Protein backbone atom coordinates (compact mmCIF):
# COMPACT_ATOMS: atom_id res chain seq x y z
CA MET A 1 -43.83 211.30 -19.58
CA HIS A 2 -43.88 208.02 -18.09
CA LYS A 3 -44.70 209.43 -14.82
CA LEU A 4 -47.40 210.59 -16.55
CA TRP A 5 -49.23 208.35 -17.67
CA SER A 6 -48.57 206.22 -15.03
CA LEU A 7 -48.86 208.50 -12.20
CA LYS A 8 -46.15 207.48 -9.97
CA SER A 9 -43.06 209.60 -9.35
CA ARG A 10 -41.06 206.91 -8.00
CA LEU A 11 -41.62 202.98 -6.26
CA GLU A 12 -38.78 202.53 -4.09
CA ILE A 13 -38.95 198.36 -2.31
CA PRO A 14 -36.58 196.32 -0.09
CA PRO A 15 -35.03 193.58 -1.01
CA GLU A 16 -36.30 191.39 1.24
CA HIS A 17 -39.55 191.79 -0.57
CA VAL A 18 -38.55 190.39 -4.10
CA ARG A 19 -39.65 186.89 -4.68
CA GLY A 20 -37.67 186.93 -8.23
CA VAL A 21 -36.75 188.84 -10.78
CA ARG A 22 -37.83 187.12 -14.39
CA ALA A 23 -38.76 188.77 -18.36
CA ALA A 24 -42.34 189.55 -18.63
CA THR A 25 -43.12 188.03 -22.37
CA ASP A 26 -45.59 186.06 -20.31
CA GLU A 27 -47.40 188.67 -18.89
CA ARG A 28 -51.03 190.48 -19.43
CA VAL A 29 -53.05 193.09 -18.77
CA ALA A 30 -55.79 191.78 -16.71
CA GLY A 31 -57.76 193.57 -14.78
CA ILE A 32 -59.54 197.16 -13.79
CA ARG A 33 -57.16 200.61 -13.79
CA PHE A 34 -57.05 202.57 -11.45
CA PRO A 35 -54.48 205.41 -12.32
CA GLY A 36 -52.68 205.24 -15.10
CA THR A 37 -53.17 205.11 -19.09
CA GLN A 38 -53.43 201.84 -20.99
CA VAL A 39 -53.73 201.87 -25.16
CA PRO A 40 -53.57 197.87 -25.61
CA GLY A 41 -50.73 197.32 -27.45
CA ILE A 42 -49.00 200.57 -27.28
CA LEU A 43 -48.90 201.82 -23.49
CA THR A 44 -49.33 201.01 -20.10
CA ALA A 45 -48.48 202.71 -17.71
CA GLY A 46 -49.82 202.88 -13.90
CA THR A 47 -51.32 200.54 -11.38
CA PHE A 48 -54.11 197.40 -12.22
CA TYR A 49 -56.21 195.10 -9.59
CA HIS A 50 -57.04 191.52 -10.68
CA GLN A 51 -58.38 189.51 -8.69
CA GLY A 52 -57.39 191.38 -5.46
CA LYS A 53 -53.98 192.08 -6.32
CA LYS A 54 -52.42 195.24 -7.12
CA VAL A 55 -50.10 195.28 -10.07
CA PHE A 56 -47.55 198.21 -11.22
CA TRP A 57 -46.76 198.05 -14.84
CA ASP A 58 -45.26 200.61 -17.08
CA VAL A 59 -44.38 199.44 -20.34
CA HIS A 60 -44.56 201.26 -23.78
CA ASP A 61 -41.76 198.05 -25.74
CA TYR A 62 -43.16 194.63 -24.20
CA SER A 63 -40.25 192.49 -25.78
CA LYS A 64 -37.92 195.09 -22.89
CA ALA A 65 -40.32 194.40 -19.79
CA ILE A 66 -39.38 192.46 -16.82
CA ALA A 67 -41.42 191.48 -13.27
CA ILE A 68 -40.58 191.46 -10.11
CA ASP A 69 -42.62 189.33 -8.54
CA LEU A 70 -43.37 190.51 -4.39
CA HIS A 71 -44.66 189.20 -1.35
CA ASP A 72 -45.33 191.66 2.17
CA ASP A 73 -45.59 195.03 -0.12
CA THR A 74 -47.32 197.72 -1.44
CA PHE A 75 -47.17 195.53 -4.82
CA SER A 76 -47.81 191.87 -5.60
CA LYS A 77 -46.08 192.45 -8.84
CA VAL A 78 -44.20 195.56 -10.85
CA ILE A 79 -43.87 195.47 -14.18
CA ILE A 80 -41.49 197.57 -15.83
CA GLU A 81 -39.39 198.44 -19.00
CA VAL A 82 -35.91 198.51 -18.93
CA ALA A 83 -33.35 198.73 -22.10
CA ASP A 84 -31.88 195.22 -21.24
CA PRO A 85 -33.22 192.95 -19.83
CA ALA A 86 -31.41 190.20 -19.23
CA ALA A 87 -28.33 192.98 -17.73
CA THR A 88 -31.63 193.95 -16.06
CA ILE A 89 -32.87 190.79 -14.74
CA GLU A 90 -28.87 189.11 -13.98
CA GLN A 91 -28.28 192.57 -11.84
CA ILE A 92 -31.29 192.17 -9.58
CA GLU A 93 -30.71 188.45 -9.38
CA ARG A 94 -27.01 189.34 -7.61
CA VAL A 95 -28.08 191.73 -5.46
CA LEU A 96 -30.79 188.49 -4.29
CA THR A 97 -28.51 187.35 -3.01
CA PRO A 98 -27.82 185.47 0.04
CA ALA A 99 -24.46 186.75 1.21
CA ASN A 100 -26.10 189.86 -0.71
CA ILE A 101 -29.20 190.37 2.10
């Protein structure tokens, strides 16, 4: 269903485009939705344009969302729901360490 709501089947982001990763507890949906789906407080999925930047959302349970800040990529930020935010953030940060890039 997430593929249907977000109108995306896959995102590939090279590690060198990741600026940082964090819990998305402070993120708020803003901008123009195109294309995608939004039911406030329930579901946000798809591409949103805000202040000249593209942000991709795929979140149903906002307490499990992480934000991946990007540079030199199609999106400036990707906000996604994951099963275990703390473990996922740790795993991404481990990949981003200088020894692994």
